[in-house]
């Protein structure tokens, strides 16, 4: 072709059109290298038709167009992820701290369901990474919650606590506070339901009820004895005597209740009953000085009361 020259106006128009075309290509992710010679003339400017072969997009350009929708316009292109990668989010480890501070659990694979092992559950467990000589089996084994020699060692107690927090299929790392020992890997494959504390035999219920009754009675004795002392300080001897009665119904040899009831009875004038309670205290504790002094005062009051009654009778019959 013979070299031609354009007027400055036409050359400016062609330059703006070329720049707009390049911006459009950049927007859709197709970036062509710009010509080194910005002043080169196009075939259209020369009035010559474009080469048909040049209108066919190159293979690299087609690949760029195919990948362009994968990312944001104008952003660097990223490879597409498979459907399985997009549907399954990455699970990062979860740290769980035991409330009593005995261990830390890093959950690597979360379990299924909400149930957890309890007393009597038979657990299929894979344990690895324990220190040597701790008395716990390595590899797959069956552990029964709440029973077995494996619970006797400190690591056994911690392992049982950890299993009580795990669900079926859970995998976790068991770590001691401060990183004193390397973490142990715990894999709980499955477990049996076990027994709930409410599912007791008749004999078990009776034994538990008896133990609870004894514990409750002991607490009631302490509470009523202390209540009687407070009622005496508040000047309520009648209520104090009633509180002592509740204590002595459960424990007739309760020295403090006997003494306080004797003081209360003496306060509202029941001297014979007061003397009987105080003498009982001295039988159980002969060296009780407070009871001995209180009994002396009660005896003196009793003699004075008898003397006054005698004087009244003499006046009545004189």
C-alpha atoms as a PDB file:
ATOM      1  CA  UNK A   1       0.000   0.000   0.000  1.00  0.00           C
ATOM      2  CA  UNK A   2       1.037   3.474  -0.678  1.00  0.00           C
ATOM      3  CA  UNK A   3       1.570   5.481   2.478  1.00  0.00           C
ATOM      4  CA  UNK A   4      -1.148   8.055   2.991  1.00  0.00           C
ATOM      5  CA  UNK A   5      -1.560  10.885   5.463  1.00  0.00           C
ATOM      6  CA  UNK A   6      -4.728  11.995   7.321  1.00  0.00           C
ATOM      7  CA  UNK A   7      -5.728  15.389   8.418  1.00  0.00           C
ATOM      8  CA  UNK A   8      -5.268  16.134  12.137  1.00  0.00           C
ATOM      9  CA  UNK A   9      -9.055  16.126  12.696  1.00  0.00           C
ATOM     10  CA  UNK A  10      -9.507  12.653  11.190  1.00  0.00           C
ATOM     11  CA  UNK A  11      -6.476  11.369  13.016  1.00  0.00           C
ATOM     12  CA  UNK A  12      -7.943  12.549  16.378  1.00  0.00           C
ATOM     13  CA  UNK A  13     -11.275  10.860  15.602  1.00  0.00           C
ATOM     14  CA  UNK A  14      -9.577   7.579  14.715  1.00  0.00           C
ATOM     15  CA  UNK A  15      -7.474   7.726  17.903  1.00  0.00           C
ATOM     16  CA  UNK A  16     -10.557   8.190  20.111  1.00  0.00           C
ATOM     17  CA  UNK A  17     -12.391   5.335  18.378  1.00  0.00           C
ATOM     18  CA  UNK A  18      -9.414   3.020  18.844  1.00  0.00           C
ATOM     19  CA  UNK A  19      -9.182   3.966  22.564  1.00  0.00           C
ATOM     20  CA  UNK A  20     -12.911   3.251  23.063  1.00  0.00           C
ATOM     21  CA  UNK A  21     -12.535  -0.160  21.443  1.00  0.00           C
ATOM     22  CA  UNK A  22      -9.615  -1.024  23.725  1.00  0.00           C
ATOM     23  CA  UNK A  23     -11.556   0.057  26.837  1.00  0.00           C
ATOM     24  CA  UNK A  24     -14.451  -2.176  25.806  1.00  0.00           C
ATOM     25  CA  UNK A  25     -12.134  -5.153  25.422  1.00  0.00           C
ATOM     26  CA  UNK A  26     -10.518  -4.518  28.789  1.00  0.00           C
ATOM     27  CA  UNK A  27     -13.947  -4.391  30.435  1.00  0.00           C
ATOM     28  CA  UNK A  28     -14.757  -7.908  29.219  1.00  0.00           C
ATOM     29  CA  UNK A  29     -11.421  -9.314  30.198  1.00  0.00           C
ATOM     30  CA  UNK A  30      -9.824  -9.272  26.726  1.00  0.00           C
ATOM     31  CA  UNK A  31      -6.616  -7.386  26.806  1.00  0.00           C
ATOM     32  CA  UNK A  32      -4.622  -6.989  23.638  1.00  0.00           C
ATOM     33  CA  UNK A  33      -1.127  -5.577  23.695  1.00  0.00           C
ATOM     34  CA  UNK A  34      -1.159  -2.079  22.401  1.00  0.00           C
ATOM     35  CA  UNK A  35       0.776  -1.221  19.343  1.00  0.00           C
ATOM     36  CA  UNK A  36       4.168   0.175  19.955  1.00  0.00           C
ATOM     37  CA  UNK A  37       3.544   2.812  17.332  1.00  0.00           C
ATOM     38  CA  UNK A  38       0.588   4.890  18.490  1.00  0.00           C
ATOM     39  CA  UNK A  39       0.589   6.793  15.268  1.00  0.00           C
ATOM     40  CA  UNK A  40       0.113   3.711  12.988  1.00  0.00           C
ATOM     41  CA  UNK A  41      -2.837   3.967  10.561  1.00  0.00           C
ATOM     42  CA  UNK A  42      -5.618   1.373  10.423  1.00  0.00           C
ATOM     43  CA  UNK A  43      -6.881  -0.293   7.274  1.00  0.00           C
ATOM     44  CA  UNK A  44     -10.251   1.453   7.653  1.00  0.00           C
ATOM     45  CA  UNK A  45      -8.536   4.836   7.707  1.00  0.00           C
ATOM     46  CA  UNK A  46      -6.774   3.980   4.472  1.00  0.00           C
ATOM     47  CA  UNK A  47     -10.066   3.053   2.880  1.00  0.00           C
ATOM     48  CA  UNK A  48      -9.029  -0.599   2.458  1.00  0.00           C
ATOM     49  CA  UNK A  49     -11.309  -3.408   3.655  1.00  0.00           C
ATOM     50  CA  UNK A  50     -10.188  -5.412   6.659  1.00  0.00           C
ATOM     51  CA  UNK A  51      -8.596  -8.755   6.146  1.00  0.00           C
ATOM     52  CA  UNK A  52     -11.298 -11.501   6.720  1.00  0.00           C
ATOM     53  CA  UNK A  53      -8.791 -13.687   8.542  1.00  0.00           C
ATOM     54  CA  UNK A  54      -8.050 -10.861  10.977  1.00  0.00           C
ATOM     55  CA  UNK A  55     -11.735 -10.661  12.004  1.00  0.00           C
ATOM     56  CA  UNK A  56     -11.652 -14.196  13.444  1.00  0.00           C
ATOM     57  CA  UNK A  57     -10.846 -14.057  17.188  1.00  0.00           C
ATOM     58  CA  UNK A  58      -7.594 -15.725  18.130  1.00  0.00           C
ATOM     59  CA  UNK A  59      -7.557 -18.864  20.304  1.00  0.00           C
ATOM     60  CA  UNK A  60      -6.094 -16.980  23.286  1.00  0.00           C
ATOM     61  CA  UNK A  61      -8.860 -14.384  23.008  1.00  0.00           C
ATOM     62  CA  UNK A  62     -11.569 -17.078  23.025  1.00  0.00           C
ATOM     63  CA  UNK A  63     -10.050 -18.646  26.120  1.00  0.00           C
ATOM     64  CA  UNK A  64     -10.054 -15.272  27.834  1.00  0.00           C
ATOM     65  CA  UNK A  65     -13.761 -14.783  26.969  1.00  0.00           C
ATOM     66  CA  UNK A  66     -14.608 -18.263  28.272  1.00  0.00           C
ATOM     67  CA  UNK A  67     -12.959 -17.574  31.611  1.00  0.00           C
ATOM     68  CA  UNK A  68     -14.168 -14.012  32.025  1.00  0.00           C
ATOM     69  CA  UNK A  69     -17.516 -14.833  33.777  1.00  0.00           C
ATOM     70  CA  UNK A  70     -15.672 -16.797  36.490  1.00  0.00           C
ATOM     71  CA  UNK A  71     -14.697 -13.628  38.345  1.00  0.00           C
ATOM     72  CA  UNK A  72     -15.631 -10.015  38.761  1.00  0.00           C
ATOM     73  CA  UNK A  73     -15.142  -7.738  35.762  1.00  0.00           C
ATOM     74  CA  UNK A  74     -11.788  -6.104  35.887  1.00  0.00           C
ATOM     75  CA  UNK A  75     -10.529  -8.530  38.588  1.00  0.00           C
ATOM     76  CA  UNK A  76      -7.799 -11.111  38.010  1.00  0.00           C
ATOM     77  CA  UNK A  77      -9.207 -14.337  36.658  1.00  0.00           C
ATOM     78  CA  UNK A  78      -9.333 -17.310  39.067  1.00  0.00           C
ATOM     79  CA  UNK A  79      -9.726 -20.998  38.216  1.00  0.00           C
ATOM     80  CA  UNK A  80     -13.245 -22.350  38.716  1.00  0.00           C
ATOM     81  CA  UNK A  81     -13.898 -24.721  41.627  1.00  0.00           C
ATOM     82  CA  UNK A  82     -15.728 -27.970  41.160  1.00  0.00           C
ATOM     83  CA  UNK A  83     -19.310 -28.416  42.346  1.00  0.00           C
ATOM     84  CA  UNK A  84     -18.202 -30.626  45.247  1.00  0.00           C
ATOM     85  CA  UNK A  85     -15.723 -28.005  46.441  1.00  0.00           C
ATOM     86  CA  UNK A  86     -18.389 -25.293  46.353  1.00  0.00           C
ATOM     87  CA  UNK A  87     -21.035 -27.400  48.122  1.00  0.00           C
ATOM     88  CA  UNK A  88     -18.734 -28.613  50.940  1.00  0.00           C
ATOM     89  CA  UNK A  89     -17.349 -25.701  53.032  1.00  0.00           C
ATOM     90  CA  UNK A  90     -13.983 -26.123  54.649  1.00  0.00           C
ATOM     91  CA  UNK A  91     -14.245 -27.104  58.327  1.00  0.00           C
ATOM     92  CA  UNK A  92     -11.753 -25.317  60.507  1.00  0.00           C
ATOM     93  CA  UNK A  93     -10.856 -26.822  63.919  1.00  0.00           C
ATOM     94  CA  UNK A  94     -12.967 -25.720  66.898  1.00  0.00           C
ATOM     95  CA  UNK A  95     -11.435 -25.285  70.359  1.00  0.00           C
ATOM     96  CA  UNK A  96     -13.504 -26.327  73.390  1.00  0.00           C
ATOM     97  CA  UNK A  97     -12.251 -25.676  76.937  1.00  0.00           C
ATOM     98  CA  UNK A  98     -13.432 -27.903  79.776  1.00  0.00           C
ATOM     99  CA  UNK A  99     -15.139 -25.759  82.463  1.00  0.00           C
ATOM    100  CA  UNK A 100     -12.929 -27.180  85.231  1.00  0.00           C
ATOM    101  CA  UNK A 101      -9.785 -26.389  83.223  1.00  0.00           C
ATOM    102  CA  UNK A 102      -8.554 -30.002  83.128  1.00  0.00           C
ATOM    103  CA  UNK A 103      -8.200 -30.242  79.331  1.00  0.00           C
ATOM    104  CA  UNK A 104      -8.746 -28.528  75.987  1.00  0.00           C
ATOM    105  CA  UNK A 105     -10.388 -30.282  73.036  1.00  0.00           C
ATOM    106  CA  UNK A 106      -9.691 -29.332  69.411  1.00  0.00           C
ATOM    107  CA  UNK A 107     -12.551 -30.689  67.275  1.00  0.00           C
ATOM    108  CA  UNK A 108     -11.119 -31.786  63.940  1.00  0.00           C
ATOM    109  CA  UNK A 109     -14.250 -33.528  62.574  1.00  0.00           C
ATOM    110  CA  UNK A 110     -17.647 -32.746  64.059  1.00  0.00           C
ATOM    111  CA  UNK A 111     -19.863 -35.650  65.069  1.00  0.00           C
ATOM    112  CA  UNK A 112     -23.462 -36.407  64.243  1.00  0.00           C
ATOM    113  CA  UNK A 113     -26.537 -35.911  66.388  1.00  0.00           C
ATOM    114  CA  UNK A 114     -26.868 -34.469  69.865  1.00  0.00           C
ATOM    115  CA  UNK A 115     -26.525 -37.558  72.089  1.00  0.00           C
ATOM    116  CA  UNK A 116     -23.320 -38.096  74.057  1.00  0.00           C
ATOM    117  CA  UNK A 117     -21.989 -41.057  76.084  1.00  0.00           C
ATOM    118  CA  UNK A 118     -23.105 -41.377  79.698  1.00  0.00           C
ATOM    119  CA  UNK A 119     -22.865 -43.894  82.517  1.00  0.00           C
ATOM    120  CA  UNK A 120     -22.880 -47.445  81.161  1.00  0.00           C
ATOM    121  CA  UNK A 121     -22.295 -46.463  77.518  1.00  0.00           C
ATOM    122  CA  UNK A 122     -19.974 -48.785  75.601  1.00  0.00           C
ATOM    123  CA  UNK A 123     -17.806 -46.625  73.338  1.00  0.00           C
ATOM    124  CA  UNK A 124     -15.904 -47.773  70.253  1.00  0.00           C
ATOM    125  CA  UNK A 125     -12.860 -45.522  70.471  1.00  0.00           C
ATOM    126  CA  UNK A 126      -9.599 -45.109  68.613  1.00  0.00           C
ATOM    127  CA  UNK A 127      -6.971 -43.597  70.913  1.00  0.00           C
ATOM    128  CA  UNK A 128      -3.497 -42.685  69.725  1.00  0.00           C
ATOM    129  CA  UNK A 129      -0.660 -40.458  70.872  1.00  0.00           C
ATOM    130  CA  UNK A 130      -0.957 -41.120  74.605  1.00  0.00           C
ATOM    131  CA  UNK A 131       2.197 -41.018  76.729  1.00  0.00           C
ATOM    132  CA  UNK A 132       3.692 -44.456  77.412  1.00  0.00           C
ATOM    133  CA  UNK A 133       2.836 -46.160  80.654  1.00  0.00           C
ATOM    134  CA  UNK A 134      -0.492 -44.433  81.321  1.00  0.00           C
ATOM    135  CA  UNK A 135      -2.367 -47.742  81.360  1.00  0.00           C
ATOM    136  CA  UNK A 136      -4.714 -46.932  78.461  1.00  0.00           C
ATOM    137  CA  UNK A 137      -5.019 -49.115  75.349  1.00  0.00           C
ATOM    138  CA  UNK A 138      -3.754 -47.888  71.979  1.00  0.00           C
ATOM    139  CA  UNK A 139      -5.769 -48.428  68.778  1.00  0.00           C
ATOM    140  CA  UNK A 140      -9.421 -49.377  68.479  1.00  0.00           C
ATOM    141  CA  UNK A 141     -10.924 -50.523  71.755  1.00  0.00           C
ATOM    142  CA  UNK A 142     -14.209 -50.636  73.648  1.00  0.00           C
ATOM    143  CA  UNK A 143     -14.433 -48.524  76.786  1.00  0.00           C
ATOM    144  CA  UNK A 144     -17.356 -48.626  79.221  1.00  0.00           C
ATOM    145  CA  UNK A 145     -18.225 -45.299  80.764  1.00  0.00           C
ATOM    146  CA  UNK A 146     -18.174 -45.355  84.547  1.00  0.00           C
ATOM    147  CA  UNK A 147     -16.400 -48.700  84.968  1.00  0.00           C
ATOM    148  CA  UNK A 148     -13.116 -50.388  84.209  1.00  0.00           C
ATOM    149  CA  UNK A 149      -9.492 -50.065  85.326  1.00  0.00           C
ATOM    150  CA  UNK A 150      -8.747 -47.657  82.484  1.00  0.00           C
ATOM    151  CA  UNK A 151     -10.367 -44.892  84.567  1.00  0.00           C
ATOM    152  CA  UNK A 152      -7.909 -45.210  87.467  1.00  0.00           C
ATOM    153  CA  UNK A 153      -5.070 -43.173  85.915  1.00  0.00           C
ATOM    154  CA  UNK A 154      -5.182 -39.356  85.570  1.00  0.00           C
ATOM    155  CA  UNK A 155      -5.243 -39.684  81.781  1.00  0.00           C
ATOM    156  CA  UNK A 156      -8.182 -42.099  82.119  1.00  0.00           C
ATOM    157  CA  UNK A 157     -10.196 -39.544  84.079  1.00  0.00           C
ATOM    158  CA  UNK A 158      -9.476 -36.875  81.484  1.00  0.00           C
ATOM    159  CA  UNK A 159     -10.326 -39.247  78.629  1.00  0.00           C
ATOM    160  CA  UNK A 160     -13.669 -40.108  80.233  1.00  0.00           C
ATOM    161  CA  UNK A 161     -14.476 -36.421  80.665  1.00  0.00           C
ATOM    162  CA  UNK A 162     -13.606 -35.823  77.016  1.00  0.00           C
ATOM    163  CA  UNK A 163     -15.782 -38.716  75.807  1.00  0.00           C
ATOM    164  CA  UNK A 164     -18.730 -37.304  77.760  1.00  0.00           C
ATOM    165  CA  UNK A 165     -18.567 -34.200  75.505  1.00  0.00           C
ATOM    166  CA  UNK A 166     -18.250 -36.009  72.137  1.00  0.00           C
ATOM    167  CA  UNK A 167     -20.876 -37.067  69.592  1.00  0.00           C
ATOM    168  CA  UNK A 168     -20.831 -40.154  67.410  1.00  0.00           C
ATOM    169  CA  UNK A 169     -18.252 -39.882  64.632  1.00  0.00           C
ATOM    170  CA  UNK A 170     -16.382 -36.985  66.219  1.00  0.00           C
ATOM    171  CA  UNK A 171     -12.612 -36.741  65.945  1.00  0.00           C
ATOM    172  CA  UNK A 172     -10.711 -34.466  68.301  1.00  0.00           C
ATOM    173  CA  UNK A 173      -7.313 -33.734  69.751  1.00  0.00           C
ATOM    174  CA  UNK A 174      -7.093 -33.933  73.532  1.00  0.00           C
ATOM    175  CA  UNK A 175      -4.627 -31.459  75.034  1.00  0.00           C
ATOM    176  CA  UNK A 176      -3.574 -30.729  78.593  1.00  0.00           C
ATOM    177  CA  UNK A 177      -3.425 -27.107  79.784  1.00  0.00           C
ATOM    178  CA  UNK A 178      -0.142 -25.376  79.116  1.00  0.00           C
ATOM    179  CA  UNK A 179       0.951 -27.888  76.476  1.00  0.00           C
ATOM    180  CA  UNK A 180       2.780 -30.064  79.001  1.00  0.00           C
ATOM    181  CA  UNK A 181       2.083 -33.190  76.917  1.00  0.00           C
ATOM    182  CA  UNK A 182       1.653 -33.643  73.150  1.00  0.00           C
ATOM    183  CA  UNK A 183      -1.998 -33.887  72.078  1.00  0.00           C
ATOM    184  CA  UNK A 184      -3.695 -37.288  71.875  1.00  0.00           C
ATOM    185  CA  UNK A 185      -6.056 -38.131  69.008  1.00  0.00           C
ATOM    186  CA  UNK A 186      -9.508 -39.400  70.024  1.00  0.00           C
ATOM    187  CA  UNK A 187     -11.889 -40.887  67.441  1.00  0.00           C
ATOM    188  CA  UNK A 188     -15.322 -41.859  68.791  1.00  0.00           C
ATOM    189  CA  UNK A 189     -16.864 -44.139  66.162  1.00  0.00           C
ATOM    190  CA  UNK A 190     -20.038 -45.122  68.042  1.00  0.00           C
ATOM    191  CA  UNK A 191     -21.487 -45.778  71.495  1.00  0.00           C
ATOM    192  CA  UNK A 192     -24.478 -47.435  73.109  1.00  0.00           C
ATOM    193  CA  UNK A 193     -27.151 -45.286  74.820  1.00  0.00           C
ATOM    194  CA  UNK A 194     -26.194 -46.290  78.371  1.00  0.00           C
ATOM    195  CA  UNK A 195     -28.359 -45.736  81.436  1.00  0.00           C
ATOM    196  CA  UNK A 196     -29.849 -42.461  82.509  1.00  0.00           C
ATOM    197  CA  UNK A 197     -29.684 -41.548  86.181  1.00  0.00           C
ATOM    198  CA  UNK A 198     -33.487 -41.697  86.279  1.00  0.00           C
ATOM    199  CA  UNK A 199     -33.524 -45.283  84.981  1.00  0.00           C
ATOM    200  CA  UNK A 200     -32.760 -46.995  88.299  1.00  0.00           C
ATOM    201  CA  UNK A 201     -33.925 -50.282  89.701  1.00  0.00           C
ATOM    202  CA  UNK A 202     -36.307 -50.388  92.649  1.00  0.00           C
ATOM    203  CA  UNK A 203     -33.473 -51.239  94.982  1.00  0.00           C
ATOM    204  CA  UNK A 204     -31.352 -48.447  93.522  1.00  0.00           C
ATOM    205  CA  UNK A 205     -34.169 -45.972  94.038  1.00  0.00           C
ATOM    206  CA  UNK A 206     -34.586 -47.082  97.660  1.00  0.00           C
ATOM    207  CA  UNK A 207     -30.869 -46.780  98.357  1.00  0.00           C
ATOM    208  CA  UNK A 208     -30.726 -43.375  96.733  1.00  0.00           C
ATOM    209  CA  UNK A 209     -33.806 -42.221  98.628  1.00  0.00           C
ATOM    210  CA  UNK A 210     -32.316 -43.422 101.916  1.00  0.00           C
ATOM    211  CA  UNK A 211     -29.037 -41.606 101.293  1.00  0.00           C
ATOM    212  CA  UNK A 212     -30.845 -38.428 100.287  1.00  0.00           C
ATOM    213  CA  UNK A 213     -33.106 -38.654 103.333  1.00  0.00           C
ATOM    214  CA  UNK A 214     -30.126 -38.950 105.669  1.00  0.00           C
ATOM    215  CA  UNK A 215     -28.381 -36.027 104.034  1.00  0.00           C
ATOM    216  CA  UNK A 216     -31.536 -33.937 104.176  1.00  0.00           C
ATOM    217  CA  UNK A 217     -32.114 -34.750 107.829  1.00  0.00           C
ATOM    218  CA  UNK A 218     -28.561 -33.731 108.717  1.00  0.00           C
ATOM    219  CA  UNK A 219     -29.021 -30.397 106.958  1.00  0.00           C
ATOM    220  CA  UNK A 220     -32.366 -29.802 108.662  1.00  0.00           C
ATOM    221  CA  UNK A 221     -30.818 -30.475 112.073  1.00  0.00           C
ATOM    222  CA  UNK A 222     -28.142 -27.866 111.485  1.00  0.00           C
ATOM    223  CA  UNK A 223     -30.604 -25.302 110.156  1.00  0.00           C
ATOM    224  CA  UNK A 224     -33.120 -25.674 113.005  1.00  0.00           C
ATOM    225  CA  UNK A 225     -30.390 -25.603 115.661  1.00  0.00           C
ATOM    226  CA  UNK A 226     -28.990 -22.376 114.244  1.00  0.00           C
ATOM    227  CA  UNK A 227     -32.498 -20.958 113.911  1.00  0.00           C
ATOM    228  CA  UNK A 228     -33.121 -21.617 117.609  1.00  0.00           C
ATOM    229  CA  UNK A 229     -29.989 -19.684 118.533  1.00  0.00           C
ATOM    230  CA  UNK A 230     -31.144 -16.706 116.458  1.00  0.00           C
ATOM    231  CA  UNK A 231     -34.615 -16.799 117.987  1.00  0.00           C
ATOM    232  CA  UNK A 232     -33.134 -16.705 121.477  1.00  0.00           C
ATOM    233  CA  UNK A 233     -31.077 -13.646 120.530  1.00  0.00           C
ATOM    234  CA  UNK A 234     -34.249 -11.981 119.215  1.00  0.00           C
ATOM    235  CA  UNK A 235     -36.155 -12.662 122.469  1.00  0.00           C
ATOM    236  CA  UNK A 236     -38.457 -15.330 120.992  1.00  0.00           C
ATOM    237  CA  UNK A 237     -38.094 -18.247 123.451  1.00  0.00           C
ATOM    238  CA  UNK A 238     -41.297 -19.983 122.425  1.00  0.00           C
ATOM    239  CA  UNK A 239     -40.234 -20.205 118.755  1.00  0.00           C
ATOM    240  CA  UNK A 240     -36.739 -21.225 119.846  1.00  0.00           C
ATOM    241  CA  UNK A 241     -38.154 -24.129 121.868  1.00  0.00           C
ATOM    242  CA  UNK A 242     -40.185 -25.266 118.814  1.00  0.00           C
ATOM    243  CA  UNK A 243     -37.087 -25.225 116.611  1.00  0.00           C
ATOM    244  CA  UNK A 244     -35.221 -27.302 119.200  1.00  0.00           C
ATOM    245  CA  UNK A 245     -38.107 -29.791 119.266  1.00  0.00           C
ATOM    246  CA  UNK A 246     -37.662 -30.373 115.507  1.00  0.00           C
ATOM    247  CA  UNK A 247     -33.963 -31.013 116.032  1.00  0.00           C
ATOM    248  CA  UNK A 248     -34.472 -33.427 118.942  1.00  0.00           C
ATOM    249  CA  UNK A 249     -37.087 -35.397 116.991  1.00  0.00           C
ATOM    250  CA  UNK A 250     -34.321 -36.456 114.581  1.00  0.00           C
ATOM    251  CA  UNK A 251     -31.407 -36.473 117.053  1.00  0.00           C
ATOM    252  CA  UNK A 252     -32.402 -36.798 120.744  1.00  0.00           C
ATOM    253  CA  UNK A 253     -28.754 -36.527 121.811  1.00  0.00           C
ATOM    254  CA  UNK A 254     -28.129 -33.155 120.161  1.00  0.00           C
ATOM    255  CA  UNK A 255     -26.427 -31.244 122.988  1.00  0.00           C
ATOM    256  CA  UNK A 256     -26.853 -27.723 121.597  1.00  0.00           C
ATOM    257  CA  UNK A 257     -30.566 -28.239 120.973  1.00  0.00           C
ATOM    258  CA  UNK A 258     -31.030 -29.559 124.532  1.00  0.00           C
ATOM    259  CA  UNK A 259     -29.184 -26.608 126.020  1.00  0.00           C
ATOM    260  CA  UNK A 260     -31.037 -24.011 123.951  1.00  0.00           C
ATOM    261  CA  UNK A 261     -34.401 -25.553 124.700  1.00  0.00           C
ATOM    262  CA  UNK A 262     -33.530 -25.503 128.392  1.00  0.00           C
ATOM    263  CA  UNK A 263     -32.680 -21.786 128.161  1.00  0.00           C
ATOM    264  CA  UNK A 264     -35.872 -21.100 126.222  1.00  0.00           C
ATOM    265  CA  UNK A 265     -38.044 -22.971 128.716  1.00  0.00           C
ATOM    266  CA  UNK A 266     -36.469 -21.100 131.597  1.00  0.00           C
ATOM    267  CA  UNK A 267     -37.199 -17.804 129.810  1.00  0.00           C
ATOM    268  CA  UNK A 268     -40.950 -18.393 129.637  1.00  0.00           C
ATOM    269  CA  UNK A 269     -41.144 -19.935 133.133  1.00  0.00           C
ATOM    270  CA  UNK A 270     -41.188 -23.681 132.466  1.00  0.00           C
ATOM    271  CA  UNK A 271     -38.511 -24.330 135.074  1.00  0.00           C
ATOM    272  CA  UNK A 272     -39.015 -28.079 135.521  1.00  0.00           C
ATOM    273  CA  UNK A 273     -38.619 -28.732 131.806  1.00  0.00           C
ATOM    274  CA  UNK A 274     -35.615 -26.412 131.644  1.00  0.00           C
ATOM    275  CA  UNK A 275     -33.917 -28.247 134.531  1.00  0.00           C
ATOM    276  CA  UNK A 276     -34.574 -31.609 132.846  1.00  0.00           C
ATOM    277  CA  UNK A 277     -32.986 -30.456 129.567  1.00  0.00           C
ATOM    278  CA  UNK A 278     -29.948 -28.998 131.310  1.00  0.00           C
ATOM    279  CA  UNK A 279     -29.404 -32.137 133.413  1.00  0.00           C
ATOM    280  CA  UNK A 280     -29.532 -34.175 130.179  1.00  0.00           C
ATOM    281  CA  UNK A 281     -26.825 -31.946 128.728  1.00  0.00           C
ATOM    282  CA  UNK A 282     -24.625 -32.580 131.752  1.00  0.00           C
ATOM    283  CA  UNK A 283     -25.167 -36.332 131.372  1.00  0.00           C
ATOM    284  CA  UNK A 284     -23.912 -36.174 127.761  1.00  0.00           C
ATOM    285  CA  UNK A 285     -21.191 -33.591 128.473  1.00  0.00           C
ATOM    286  CA  UNK A 286     -20.296 -33.451 132.177  1.00  0.00           C
ATOM    287  CA  UNK A 287     -17.794 -30.667 131.611  1.00  0.00           C
ATOM    288  CA  UNK A 288     -20.297 -28.303 129.952  1.00  0.00           C
ATOM    289  CA  UNK A 289     -19.824 -25.168 132.075  1.00  0.00           C
ATOM    290  CA  UNK A 290     -22.590 -23.119 130.449  1.00  0.00           C
ATOM    291  CA  UNK A 291     -25.179 -25.828 131.140  1.00  0.00           C
ATOM    292  CA  UNK A 292     -24.050 -26.168 134.747  1.00  0.00           C
ATOM    293  CA  UNK A 293     -24.298 -22.413 135.369  1.00  0.00           C
ATOM    294  CA  UNK A 294     -27.698 -22.200 133.682  1.00  0.00           C
ATOM    295  CA  UNK A 295     -28.944 -25.143 135.734  1.00  0.00           C
ATOM    296  CA  UNK A 296     -27.833 -23.384 138.934  1.00  0.00           C
ATOM    297  CA  UNK A 297     -29.818 -20.295 138.009  1.00  0.00           C
ATOM    298  CA  UNK A 298     -32.849 -22.416 137.158  1.00  0.00           C
ATOM    299  CA  UNK A 299     -32.654 -24.222 140.522  1.00  0.00           C
ATOM    300  CA  UNK A 300     -32.420 -20.914 142.397  1.00  0.00           C
ATOM    301  CA  UNK A 301     -35.418 -19.555 140.506  1.00  0.00           C
ATOM    302  CA  UNK A 302     -37.303 -22.724 141.301  1.00  0.00           C
ATOM    303  CA  UNK A 303     -36.601 -22.376 145.035  1.00  0.00           C
ATOM    304  CA  UNK A 304     -37.641 -18.745 144.973  1.00  0.00           C
ATOM    305  CA  UNK A 305     -40.818 -19.690 143.148  1.00  0.00           C
ATOM    306  CA  UNK A 306     -41.578 -22.407 145.695  1.00  0.00           C
ATOM    307  CA  UNK A 307     -40.938 -20.035 148.600  1.00  0.00           C
ATOM    308  CA  UNK A 308     -43.274 -17.420 147.167  1.00  0.00           C
ATOM    309  CA  UNK A 309     -45.965 -20.018 146.641  1.00  0.00           C
ATOM    310  CA  UNK A 310     -45.599 -21.156 150.259  1.00  0.00           C
ATOM    311  CA  UNK A 311     -45.954 -17.599 151.579  1.00  0.00           C
ATOM    312  CA  UNK A 312     -49.075 -17.127 149.543  1.00  0.00           C
ATOM    313  CA  UNK A 313     -50.635 -20.277 150.882  1.00  0.00           C
ATOM    314  CA  UNK A 314     -49.884 -19.282 154.483  1.00  0.00           C
ATOM    315  CA  UNK A 315     -51.583 -15.943 154.004  1.00  0.00           C
ATOM    316  CA  UNK A 316     -54.572 -17.684 152.439  1.00  0.00           C
ATOM    317  CA  UNK A 317     -55.112 -20.016 155.397  1.00  0.00           C
ATOM    318  CA  UNK A 318     -54.055 -17.688 158.243  1.00  0.00           C
END
